[in-house]
Amino acid sequence: MKKVLLIALAFVLSSCVKTKTYKDKLQVHHENLEPQEIVVKKYNEALFSIDTADFAEGLKSIKDDYMVFLGGDLDNADAVAYLKAFAVDTFCIRLNDLVEKKFSDDKALRKEIKSVYQRMNYYYPGIMIPETYFYVSGVDYEIPAIMIQPDAVLISLDYYLGNDDGIYDYIGMPRYRSLRCQPSYITRDLAQAFYDNMYARRAAKKDVLSEMINVGKQLYFIEAMNPALPDSVLFGYSSQQTQWAQQYEADVWAAIVGNNMLYANDMMAFRNFFGDAPFTQAFSRESAPRLGEYIGLQIIRSYMTHNDVSLQELMKNNDLQQIFQNSQYKPFKS
């Protein structure tokens, strides 16, 4: 009788042990890790304050502090003329003025950036974080808003001004893209830049499921560096799009499976589920875009909840089918 009671008690106790969800795993102690303080160098502030009457000498006076931008030959008249043309361009001046106004108090931003660096140090001990620079790029579509170089983290603040004054409308940026030009996206894009820097571009797209898993891993990495990010920022959705994705997740999954699209590998399928657009064409105009990314992260979240796996182990695991099978992903209608 005593043995039966002990077995029953053990069963009850084991059933009371709460499963560690992916959210629990992301709550790590990083606050005491390096860096405890970060120094940010403001190239835009230095560049736009140079006296244009003696621009070449002004560049030389700041060169040592901004070698990442001014490592070229400043005795070259063409190089100096190019930089001066940028510094006196009325649109670039306007962008810098907006940056100076928007980020006049950047204490909170520095704290958020420091948190990403510390989390990087938690997951990848000993990683070298280069110096951090703020600058104005002129909203150059040819380069990412944030880049990680061997000796510099480059953050182009003119990508994060918000669109209240229509600055992004002025240059013809689509509204679904300018939605992501908010200060709240800086640390999200910073984590994205670390991901891009650390993990080489994955192999060519195999099928919809493989792309879902690959993008899901990427988004989970970003979430690990920014657990407080709301899904709207993580995916680049409006609040309405986020609600739509959450409400219709099960329907989207049922449509993908029911229409045999899970292993589709044609360009139309990839464009439908991963192409940047105002909405997903396979569904309604009210739908969220890039629903393949949304489903992909839900699969990875489920996988991390149901498996004793670290972030590093997840990132190294290229058996995408195994990840899917062990994810136990099965969305239910709310």
Foldseek 3Di string as FASTA:
>chain_A
DVVVVVVVVVVVVVVPDDFQFLLNQLPDPQCPFPDVAADEAEPAVQLLPDDLVPQLVSCVVCCVVPCVVVVDDSVDPVVSVVSSCQSPPPLNVVLSVLLCVQVVPCPVVRVLLRLLVSLCCVVPPPDDQAHEYEYADSPDPVDDQWAGDPHYTYHHLSQARQCPVPSCVVVPDDPLSSLLNHSLLRLLVVQLNVCCVPDPDDDDDQALLLVLQVLLLSLSSSCSSPVPDDVCSSVSHDPQQVVQCLQCVQVVVCCCVVVVRNRDDDPVSCCQQQNRDCARVVDDSSHHHNSSNVVSNLLQSLLVSQDVDHSVRSVPDSPSVVSNVNSPDHDDRD
